[in-house]
C-alpha cells in the first residue's frame, strides 16, 4: 500500500476525480482518502512514481 499527502482535495468530487484517475490506469486499484488529513492510500500494481504522476495530472499536488 502506498500513502501520499495530497494538497487541493477539498470535497467528495475531488476524491472521486482522483479515484477515477487512478482506476483508469489500474482498474483493480483500491483507493482510500481522508479529506481531513489530506492523505490518500492506495493498493495498486502501479509504482509510487506512476501514482504520484496520475494524482498530479488530475490537478492535485503530492507533497513529500
Protein backbone atom coordinates (compact mmCIF):
# COMPACT_ATOMS: atom_id res chain seq x y z
CA UNK A 1 0.00 0.00 0.00
CA UNK A 2 1.29 3.45 -0.94
CA UNK A 3 0.32 6.56 1.04
CA UNK A 4 0.53 10.14 -0.20
CA UNK A 5 -0.05 13.57 1.32
CA UNK A 6 -2.13 15.39 -1.29
CA UNK A 7 -3.00 19.08 -1.33
CA UNK A 8 -6.04 20.50 -3.07
CA UNK A 9 -8.60 17.80 -2.29
CA UNK A 10 -11.45 19.57 -0.51
CA UNK A 11 -14.64 17.64 -1.31
CA UNK A 12 -16.16 14.37 -2.40
CA UNK A 13 -15.84 15.44 -6.03
CA UNK A 14 -12.08 15.72 -5.57
CA UNK A 15 -11.96 12.24 -4.05
CA UNK A 16 -13.96 10.85 -6.98
CA UNK A 17 -11.71 12.59 -9.54
CA UNK A 18 -8.51 11.18 -8.02
CA UNK A 19 -10.03 7.72 -7.55
CA UNK A 20 -11.22 7.63 -11.19
CA UNK A 21 -7.84 8.82 -12.45
CA UNK A 22 -6.02 6.02 -10.61
CA UNK A 23 -8.58 3.38 -11.53
CA UNK A 24 -8.40 4.39 -15.21
CA UNK A 25 -4.78 3.18 -15.13
CA UNK A 26 -5.30 0.24 -12.73
CA UNK A 27 -8.92 -0.90 -12.66
CA UNK A 28 -8.30 -3.15 -9.63
CA UNK A 29 -6.75 -0.37 -7.51
CA UNK A 30 -8.28 0.31 -4.11
CA UNK A 31 -8.19 3.98 -3.11
CA UNK A 32 -8.94 5.46 0.32
CA UNK A 33 -8.89 9.19 1.02
CA UNK A 34 -9.04 11.04 4.34
CA UNK A 35 -10.01 14.59 3.40
CA UNK A 36 -9.35 15.93 6.91
CA UNK A 37 -5.68 14.92 6.82
CA UNK A 38 -5.23 15.10 3.03
CA UNK A 39 -3.93 11.53 2.97
CA UNK A 40 -4.54 9.16 0.10
CA UNK A 41 -3.75 5.45 0.42
CA UNK A 42 -3.91 3.02 -2.45
CA UNK A 43 -3.30 -0.62 -3.19
CA UNK A 44 -2.21 -0.77 -6.81
CA UNK A 45 0.14 -2.55 -9.20
CA UNK A 46 1.43 0.87 -10.29
CA UNK A 47 4.70 2.29 -8.95
CA UNK A 48 4.77 5.13 -6.43
CA UNK A 49 6.09 7.47 -9.16
CA UNK A 50 3.31 6.46 -11.57
CA UNK A 51 0.68 7.03 -8.88
CA UNK A 52 2.12 10.44 -7.94
CA UNK A 53 2.13 11.44 -11.61
CA UNK A 54 -1.52 10.39 -12.05
CA UNK A 55 -2.57 12.37 -8.95
CA UNK A 56 -0.75 15.46 -10.21
CA UNK A 57 -2.20 15.10 -13.72
CA UNK A 58 -5.64 15.07 -12.07
CA UNK A 59 -4.86 18.56 -10.76
CA UNK A 60 -3.64 17.91 -7.20
CA UNK A 61 -0.25 18.37 -5.53
CA UNK A 62 1.63 15.45 -3.99
CA UNK A 63 3.68 16.69 -1.02
CA UNK A 64 6.87 14.98 0.10
